[in-house]
C-alpha atoms as a PDB file:
ATOM      1  CA  MET A   1       0.000   0.000   0.000  1.00  0.00           C
ATOM      2  CA  PRO A   2       1.286   3.552  -0.721  1.00  0.00           C
ATOM      3  CA  VAL A   3       3.048   5.314   2.126  1.00  0.00           C
ATOM      4  CA  SER A   4       2.657   9.066   2.483  1.00  0.00           C
ATOM      5  CA  PRO A   5       4.816  11.011   4.960  1.00  0.00           C
ATOM      6  CA  GLN A   6       1.782  11.246   7.246  1.00  0.00           C
ATOM      7  CA  GLY A   7       1.020   7.534   6.828  1.00  0.00           C
ATOM      8  CA  PHE A   8       4.616   6.599   7.654  1.00  0.00           C
ATOM      9  CA  GLN A   9       4.481   8.707  10.804  1.00  0.00           C
ATOM     10  CA  GLN A  10       1.213   7.177  11.947  1.00  0.00           C
ATOM     11  CA  ARG A  11       2.392   3.618  11.369  1.00  0.00           C
ATOM     12  CA  SER A  12       5.810   4.162  12.929  1.00  0.00           C
ATOM     13  CA  ASP A  13       4.204   5.839  15.951  1.00  0.00           C
ATOM     14  CA  ARG A  14       1.946   2.815  16.330  1.00  0.00           C
ATOM     15  CA  LEU A  15       4.960   0.513  16.071  1.00  0.00           C
ATOM     16  CA  MET A  16       6.826   2.436  18.748  1.00  0.00           C
ATOM     17  CA  GLY A  17       3.769   2.250  20.972  1.00  0.00           C
ATOM     18  CA  ASP A  18       3.654  -1.504  20.492  1.00  0.00           C
ATOM     19  CA  LEU A  19       7.381  -1.712  21.256  1.00  0.00           C
ATOM     20  CA  VAL A  20       7.004   0.227  24.498  1.00  0.00           C
ATOM     21  CA  GLU A  21       4.101  -2.020  25.496  1.00  0.00           C
ATOM     22  CA  GLN A  22       6.339  -5.011  24.780  1.00  0.00           C
ATOM     23  CA  GLY A  23       8.932  -3.427  27.040  1.00  0.00           C
ATOM     24  CA  ARG A  24       6.394  -3.275  29.842  1.00  0.00           C
ATOM     25  CA  ARG A  25       5.541  -6.953  29.333  1.00  0.00           C
ATOM     26  CA  VAL A  26       9.215  -7.843  29.469  1.00  0.00           C
ATOM     27  CA  GLN A  27       9.687  -5.795  32.635  1.00  0.00           C
ATOM     28  CA  GLY A  28       6.796  -7.709  34.167  1.00  0.00           C
ATOM     29  CA  ILE A  29       8.241 -11.135  33.370  1.00  0.00           C
ATOM     30  CA  VAL A  30      11.659 -10.151  34.751  1.00  0.00           C
ATOM     31  CA  GLU A  31      10.094  -8.933  37.997  1.00  0.00           C
ATOM     32  CA  ARG A  32       8.083 -12.156  38.264  1.00  0.00           C
ATOM     33  CA  ALA A  33      11.167 -14.303  37.580  1.00  0.00           C
ATOM     34  CA  PHE A  34      13.161 -12.699  40.374  1.00  0.00           C
ATOM     35  CA  ASP A  35      10.175 -12.820  42.724  1.00  0.00           C
ATOM     36  CA  CYS A  36       9.586 -16.540  42.213  1.00  0.00           C
ATOM     37  CA  LEU A  37      13.314 -17.181  42.792  1.00  0.00           C
ATOM     38  CA  PHE A  38      13.258 -15.438  46.152  1.00  0.00           C
ATOM     39  CA  THR A  39       9.923 -16.904  47.250  1.00  0.00           C
ATOM     40  CA  ARG A  40      10.615 -20.379  45.789  1.00  0.00           C
ATOM     41  CA  ASP A  41       7.210 -20.211  44.088  1.00  0.00           C
ATOM     42  CA  GLU A  42       7.116 -22.910  41.405  1.00  0.00           C
ATOM     43  CA  GLY A  43       3.628 -21.840  40.324  1.00  0.00           C
ATOM     44  CA  LYS A  44       4.831 -18.361  39.430  1.00  0.00           C
ATOM     45  CA  ALA A  45       7.839 -19.907  37.704  1.00  0.00           C
ATOM     46  CA  THR A  46       5.494 -21.869  35.440  1.00  0.00           C
ATOM     47  CA  GLU A  47       3.535 -18.696  34.672  1.00  0.00           C
ATOM     48  CA  CYS A  48       6.732 -17.107  33.329  1.00  0.00           C
ATOM     49  CA  GLY A  49       6.656 -19.594  30.474  1.00  0.00           C
ATOM     50  CA  LYS A  50       3.105 -18.560  29.586  1.00  0.00           C
ATOM     51  CA  LEU A  51       4.018 -14.882  29.704  1.00  0.00           C
ATOM     52  CA  ASP A  52       6.959 -15.587  27.414  1.00  0.00           C
ATOM     53  CA  ASP A  53       4.583 -17.091  24.842  1.00  0.00           C
ATOM     54  CA  VAL A  54       2.711 -13.772  24.734  1.00  0.00           C
ATOM     55  CA  ILE A  55       5.975 -11.868  24.371  1.00  0.00           C
ATOM     56  CA  ASP A  56       7.141 -14.178  21.572  1.00  0.00           C
ATOM     57  CA  ALA A  57       3.894 -13.633  19.671  1.00  0.00           C
ATOM     58  CA  ALA A  58       4.177  -9.841  20.031  1.00  0.00           C
ATOM     59  CA  ASP A  59       7.827 -10.018  18.926  1.00  0.00           C
ATOM     60  CA  VAL A  60       6.788 -11.661  15.650  1.00  0.00           C
ATOM     61  CA  GLU A  61       3.970  -9.183  15.030  1.00  0.00           C
ATOM     62  CA  ILE A  62       6.204  -6.148  15.621  1.00  0.00           C
ATOM     63  CA  GLU A  63       8.860  -7.516  13.277  1.00  0.00           C
ATOM     64  CA  LYS A  64       6.297  -8.274  10.578  1.00  0.00           C
ATOM     65  CA  ALA A  65       4.818  -4.779  10.869  1.00  0.00           C
ATOM     66  CA  ALA A  66       8.258  -3.150  10.644  1.00  0.00           C
ATOM     67  CA  VAL A  67       9.180  -5.180   7.567  1.00  0.00           C
ATOM     68  CA  GLN A  68       5.817  -4.410   5.961  1.00  0.00           C
ATOM     69  CA  LEU A  69       6.239  -0.684   6.564  1.00  0.00           C
ATOM     70  CA  LEU A  70       9.705  -0.727   4.986  1.00  0.00           C
ATOM     71  CA  THR A  71       8.396  -2.814   2.059  1.00  0.00           C
ATOM     72  CA  ASP A  72       5.479  -0.451   1.462  1.00  0.00           C
ATOM     73  CA  ALA A  73       7.755   2.576   1.594  1.00  0.00           C
ATOM     74  CA  ALA A  74      10.156   1.010  -0.897  1.00  0.00           C
ATOM     75  CA  SER A  75       7.330  -0.043  -3.236  1.00  0.00           C
ATOM     76  CA  ALA A  76       5.919   3.473  -3.219  1.00  0.00           C
ATOM     77  CA  GLY A  77       9.359   4.941  -3.931  1.00  0.00           C
ATOM     78  CA  ALA A  78       9.070   6.983  -0.760  1.00  0.00           C
ATOM     79  CA  ALA A  79      12.151   9.028   0.109  1.00  0.00           C
ATOM     80  CA  MET A  80      12.974   8.097   3.700  1.00  0.00           C
ATOM     81  CA  ASP A  81      15.183  10.523   5.584  1.00  0.00           C
ATOM     82  CA  ALA A  82      17.953   9.432   7.971  1.00  0.00           C
ATOM     83  CA  GLN A  83      15.708   9.744  11.028  1.00  0.00           C
ATOM     84  CA  GLN A  84      13.059   7.464   9.533  1.00  0.00           C
ATOM     85  CA  VAL A  85      15.652   4.857   8.608  1.00  0.00           C
ATOM     86  CA  ARG A  86      17.150   4.995  12.111  1.00  0.00           C
ATOM     87  CA  LEU A  87      13.663   4.591  13.552  1.00  0.00           C
ATOM     88  CA  LEU A  88      12.977   1.351  11.699  1.00  0.00           C
ATOM     89  CA  LEU A  89      16.437  -0.004  12.521  1.00  0.00           C
ATOM     90  CA  THR A  90      15.896   0.829  16.182  1.00  0.00           C
ATOM     91  CA  ILE A  91      12.491  -0.832  16.283  1.00  0.00           C
ATOM     92  CA  ALA A  92      13.881  -4.036  14.764  1.00  0.00           C
ATOM     93  CA  LYS A  93      16.929  -4.196  17.042  1.00  0.00           C
ATOM     94  CA  VAL A  94      15.160  -3.234  20.260  1.00  0.00           C
ATOM     95  CA  ASN A  95      12.388  -5.709  19.543  1.00  0.00           C
ATOM     96  CA  ASN A  96      14.993  -8.465  19.336  1.00  0.00           C
ATOM     97  CA  GLU A  97      16.713  -7.365  22.538  1.00  0.00           C
ATOM     98  CA  LEU A  98      13.432  -7.346  24.459  1.00  0.00           C
ATOM     99  CA  GLU A  99      12.618 -10.875  23.326  1.00  0.00           C
ATOM    100  CA  ARG A 100      16.050 -12.038  24.490  1.00  0.00           C
ATOM    101  CA  ILE A 101      15.539 -10.387  27.886  1.00  0.00           C
ATOM    102  CA  ALA A 102      12.314 -12.347  28.265  1.00  0.00           C
ATOM    103  CA  ASP A 103      14.197 -15.548  27.432  1.00  0.00           C
ATOM    104  CA  VAL A 104      16.672 -14.811  30.235  1.00  0.00           C
ATOM    105  CA  ALA A 105      13.755 -14.298  32.631  1.00  0.00           C
ATOM    106  CA  VAL A 106      12.446 -17.753  31.690  1.00  0.00           C
ATOM    107  CA  ASP A 107      15.908 -19.210  32.348  1.00  0.00           C
ATOM    108  CA  LEU A 108      15.920 -17.599  35.789  1.00  0.00           C
ATOM    109  CA  ALA A 109      12.472 -18.993  36.560  1.00  0.00           C
ATOM    110  CA  ALA A 110      13.682 -22.433  35.509  1.00  0.00           C
ATOM    111  CA  LEU A 111      16.118 -22.356  38.444  1.00  0.00           C
ATOM    112  CA  VAL A 112      13.279 -22.350  40.988  1.00  0.00           C
ATOM    113  CA  PRO A 113      12.838 -26.156  41.343  1.00  0.00           C
ATOM    114  CA  ASN A 114      16.532 -26.572  42.093  1.00  0.00           C
ATOM    115  CA  ALA A 115      16.433 -23.626  44.483  1.00  0.00           C
ATOM    116  CA  CYS A 116      13.631 -25.372  46.370  1.00  0.00           C
ATOM    117  CA  LYS A 117      15.801 -28.486  46.710  1.00  0.00           C
ATOM    118  CA  GLN A 118      18.724 -26.444  48.029  1.00  0.00           C
ATOM    119  CA  GLY A 119      16.586 -25.136  50.878  1.00  0.00           C
ATOM    120  CA  ARG A 120      18.840 -22.162  51.493  1.00  0.00           C
ATOM    121  CA  ALA A 121      17.938 -18.505  51.045  1.00  0.00           C
ATOM    122  CA  TYR A 122      19.912 -16.333  48.692  1.00  0.00           C
ATOM    123  CA  PRO A 123      22.228 -13.756  50.284  1.00  0.00           C
ATOM    124  CA  ASP A 124      20.751 -10.274  50.717  1.00  0.00           C
ATOM    125  CA  THR A 125      23.077  -9.017  47.983  1.00  0.00           C
ATOM    126  CA  PHE A 126      20.954 -10.910  45.472  1.00  0.00           C
ATOM    127  CA  ARG A 127      17.934  -8.776  46.219  1.00  0.00           C
ATOM    128  CA  VAL A 128      20.133  -5.741  45.654  1.00  0.00           C
ATOM    129  CA  ILE A 129      21.340  -6.967  42.281  1.00  0.00           C
ATOM    130  CA  ALA A 130      17.793  -7.983  41.318  1.00  0.00           C
ATOM    131  CA  ASN A 131      16.425  -4.558  42.240  1.00  0.00           C
ATOM    132  CA  SER A 132      19.267  -2.942  40.295  1.00  0.00           C
ATOM    133  CA  VAL A 133      18.480  -4.961  37.187  1.00  0.00           C
ATOM    134  CA  VAL A 134      14.746  -4.232  37.407  1.00  0.00           C
ATOM    135  CA  GLY A 135      15.516  -0.529  37.884  1.00  0.00           C
ATOM    136  CA  ILE A 136      17.807  -0.511  34.861  1.00  0.00           C
ATOM    137  CA  LEU A 137      15.153  -2.224  32.760  1.00  0.00           C
ATOM    138  CA  ARG A 138      12.531   0.275  33.925  1.00  0.00           C
ATOM    139  CA  ASP A 139      14.801   3.185  32.958  1.00  0.00           C
ATOM    140  CA  THR A 140      15.493   1.500  29.627  1.00  0.00           C
ATOM    141  CA  VAL A 141      11.806   1.221  28.770  1.00  0.00           C
ATOM    142  CA  ASN A 142      11.207   4.815  29.866  1.00  0.00           C
ATOM    143  CA  ALA A 143      14.148   6.048  27.777  1.00  0.00           C
ATOM    144  CA  LEU A 144      12.591   4.302  24.792  1.00  0.00           C
ATOM    145  CA  ARG A 145       9.110   5.646  25.561  1.00  0.00           C
ATOM    146  CA  LEU A 146      10.315   9.213  26.048  1.00  0.00           C
ATOM    147  CA  ASN A 147      12.970   9.109  23.328  1.00  0.00           C
ATOM    148  CA  ASP A 148      15.335  10.305  26.059  1.00  0.00           C
ATOM    149  CA  TRP A 149      19.056   9.891  25.298  1.00  0.00           C
ATOM    150  CA  LYS A 150      20.035  11.357  28.675  1.00  0.00           C
ATOM    151  CA  LEU A 151      18.131   8.630  30.516  1.00  0.00           C
ATOM    152  CA  ALA A 152      19.734   6.122  28.141  1.00  0.00           C
ATOM    153  CA  LYS A 153      23.126   7.397  29.355  1.00  0.00           C
ATOM    154  CA  VAL A 154      22.013   6.687  32.926  1.00  0.00           C
ATOM    155  CA  VAL A 155      21.306   3.099  31.892  1.00  0.00           C
ATOM    156  CA  LEU A 156      24.816   2.747  30.482  1.00  0.00           C
ATOM    157  CA  GLN A 157      26.308   4.096  33.687  1.00  0.00           C
ATOM    158  CA  SER A 158      24.144   1.839  35.871  1.00  0.00           C
ATOM    159  CA  GLN A 159      25.310  -1.309  34.116  1.00  0.00           C
ATOM    160  CA  HIS A 160      28.666  -0.998  35.882  1.00  0.00           C
ATOM    161  CA  THR A 161      26.883  -1.347  39.232  1.00  0.00           C
ATOM    162  CA  VAL A 162      25.498  -4.736  38.218  1.00  0.00           C
ATOM    163  CA  THR A 163      28.935  -5.871  37.075  1.00  0.00           C
ATOM    164  CA  ALA A 164      30.423  -4.843  40.425  1.00  0.00           C
ATOM    165  CA  PHE A 165      27.742  -6.773  42.332  1.00  0.00           C
ATOM    166  CA  HIS A 166      28.289  -9.771  40.057  1.00  0.00           C
ATOM    167  CA  ASP A 167      32.025  -9.838  40.782  1.00  0.00           C
ATOM    168  CA  ALA A 168      31.540  -9.336  44.535  1.00  0.00           C
ATOM    169  CA  ILE A 169      28.957 -12.143  44.742  1.00  0.00           C
ATOM    170  CA  LEU A 170      31.204 -14.628  42.949  1.00  0.00           C
ATOM    171  CA  LYS A 171      34.216 -13.703  45.077  1.00  0.00           C
ATOM    172  CA  ASP A 172      32.202 -14.173  48.271  1.00  0.00           C
ATOM    173  CA  ALA A 173      30.906 -17.553  47.066  1.00  0.00           C
ATOM    174  CA  GLU A 174      34.456 -18.731  46.355  1.00  0.00           C
ATOM    175  CA  GLN A 175      35.546 -17.743  49.849  1.00  0.00           C
ATOM    176  CA  GLN A 176      32.595 -19.508  51.482  1.00  0.00           C
ATOM    177  CA  ILE A 177      33.292 -22.700  49.539  1.00  0.00           C
ATOM    178  CA  ALA A 178      36.931 -22.576  50.648  1.00  0.00           C
ATOM    179  CA  GLN A 179      35.788 -22.165  54.266  1.00  0.00           C
ATOM    180  CA  GLY A 180      33.283 -25.014  54.019  1.00  0.00           C
ATOM    181  CA  LYS A 181      30.332 -22.676  54.564  1.00  0.00           C
ATOM    182  CA  MET A 182      28.701 -23.230  51.172  1.00  0.00           C
ATOM    183  CA  THR A 183      28.185 -26.244  48.946  1.00  0.00           C
ATOM    184  CA  VAL A 184      29.454 -26.240  45.398  1.00  0.00           C
ATOM    185  CA  GLU A 185      25.900 -26.893  44.163  1.00  0.00           C
ATOM    186  CA  PHE A 186      24.514 -23.814  45.898  1.00  0.00           C
ATOM    187  CA  ALA A 187      27.466 -21.705  44.737  1.00  0.00           C
ATOM    188  CA  PHE A 188      26.826 -22.858  41.178  1.00  0.00           C
ATOM    189  CA  GLN A 189      23.247 -21.598  41.382  1.00  0.00           C
ATOM    190  CA  LEU A 190      24.413 -18.264  42.792  1.00  0.00           C
ATOM    191  CA  HIS A 191      26.863 -18.064  39.925  1.00  0.00           C
ATOM    192  CA  GLU A 192      24.065 -18.710  37.414  1.00  0.00           C
ATOM    193  CA  VAL A 193      21.744 -16.055  38.861  1.00  0.00           C
ATOM    194  CA  ALA A 194      24.557 -13.500  38.987  1.00  0.00           C
ATOM    195  CA  ASN A 195      25.565 -14.251  35.406  1.00  0.00           C
ATOM    196  CA  GLN A 196      22.006 -14.010  34.122  1.00  0.00           C
ATOM    197  CA  SER A 197      21.562 -10.716  35.969  1.00  0.00           C
ATOM    198  CA  GLU A 198      24.595  -9.333  34.170  1.00  0.00           C
ATOM    199  CA  VAL A 199      23.242 -10.607  30.840  1.00  0.00           C
ATOM    200  CA  LEU A 200      19.973  -8.761  31.503  1.00  0.00           C
ATOM    201  CA  ALA A 201      21.897  -5.554  32.168  1.00  0.00           C
ATOM    202  CA  ASP A 202      23.912  -6.070  28.973  1.00  0.00           C
ATOM    203  CA  HIS A 203      20.736  -6.344  26.900  1.00  0.00           C
ATOM    204  CA  CYS A 204      19.474  -3.127  28.511  1.00  0.00           C
ATOM    205  CA  THR A 205      22.664  -1.306  27.523  1.00  0.00           C
ATOM    206  CA  ASN A 206      22.194  -2.516  23.955  1.00  0.00           C
ATOM    207  CA  ILE A 207      18.733  -0.956  23.929  1.00  0.00           C
ATOM    208  CA  ALA A 208      20.059   2.238  25.524  1.00  0.00           C
ATOM    209  CA  GLU A 209      22.670   2.505  22.777  1.00  0.00           C
ATOM    210  CA  GLN A 210      19.895   2.216  20.207  1.00  0.00           C
ATOM    211  CA  VAL A 211      17.938   5.009  21.905  1.00  0.00           C
ATOM    212  CA  ILE A 212      21.034   7.203  21.705  1.00  0.00           C
ATOM    213  CA  TYR A 213      21.448   6.268  18.045  1.00  0.00           C
ATOM    214  CA  LEU A 214      17.821   7.083  17.293  1.00  0.00           C
ATOM    215  CA  THR A 215      17.809  10.449  19.031  1.00  0.00           C
ATOM    216  CA  THR A 216      21.302  11.747  18.212  1.00  0.00           C
ATOM    217  CA  GLY A 217      22.553   9.666  15.298  1.00  0.00           C
ATOM    218  CA  ALA A 218      25.637   8.767  17.360  1.00  0.00           C
ATOM    219  CA  ILE A 219      26.890   5.169  17.229  1.00  0.00           C
ATOM    220  CA  VAL A 220      28.526   4.574  20.609  1.00  0.00           C
ATOM    221  CA  ARG A 221      29.075   0.811  20.508  1.00  0.00           C
ATOM    222  CA  HIS A 222      32.580   0.766  19.065  1.00  0.00           C
ATOM    223  CA  THR A 223      33.979   4.182  19.895  1.00  0.00           C
ATOM    224  CA  GLU A 224      36.850   4.691  22.323  1.00  0.00           C
ATOM    225  CA  THR A 225      34.879   7.132  24.459  1.00  0.00           C
ATOM    226  CA  GLY A 226      31.553   5.290  24.103  1.00  0.00           C
ATOM    227  CA  TRP A 227      28.590   7.027  25.704  1.00  0.00           C
ATOM    228  CA  ALA A 228      30.927   9.456  27.487  1.00  0.00           C
ATOM    229  CA  GLY A 229      31.570  11.048  24.097  1.00  0.00           C
ATOM    230  CA  LEU A 230      28.028  12.413  24.065  1.00  0.00           C
ATOM    231  CA  THR A 231      28.929  15.485  26.099  1.00  0.00           C
ATOM    232  CA  ARG A 232      28.386  17.612  23.029  1.00  0.00           C
ATOM    233  CA  PHE A 233      24.694  16.808  23.208  1.00  0.00           C
ATOM    234  CA  GLY A 234      24.164  18.084  26.704  1.00  0.00           C
END
């Protein structure tokens, strides 16, 4: 179907709205995954799989709509400016990152049965790292919703906090194993949760980089200064 400038704007706005809604779904499944880990709730863990099915279906629909919009624009010979091209690239890439975040949440929920067998509560630091990850994801979705590159920079800065917690948790687990205060099996599960938390934060930074790209045109992934080089924008 022909794509006028107004039609492109309407359809791309609708796509971005769908993407933000997908972000909220993904935030919900991550929160549920961490909650069922701490409460050892196998019922909630099972529900994460059902929520992921909804997210997967939305992922496919968003991708199809983005491809169709690009196809229609090309068929109509529409002249897309740089901002419009960046918008479609961002939608496609962020959509993929959100789906992968949901997959990590399902992996976390899958640890619940083993956590029940261990019968030992996670250290308090795990609630801190979980809250940090959820906060980063919330800021990521808001940066996308508001088209806010400054908030995206906050996400990139916050990722280092998760990495620091990850390293501290693993170091403490190693020491407790050496002292006979923790089993290898329990330490392995701590290691898995910490690693998955860092993966979640990494996916958020990927989305934040796309928000920066969309709003400023700057590609910060492979530059020496990275996001710090955005001082010229504010």
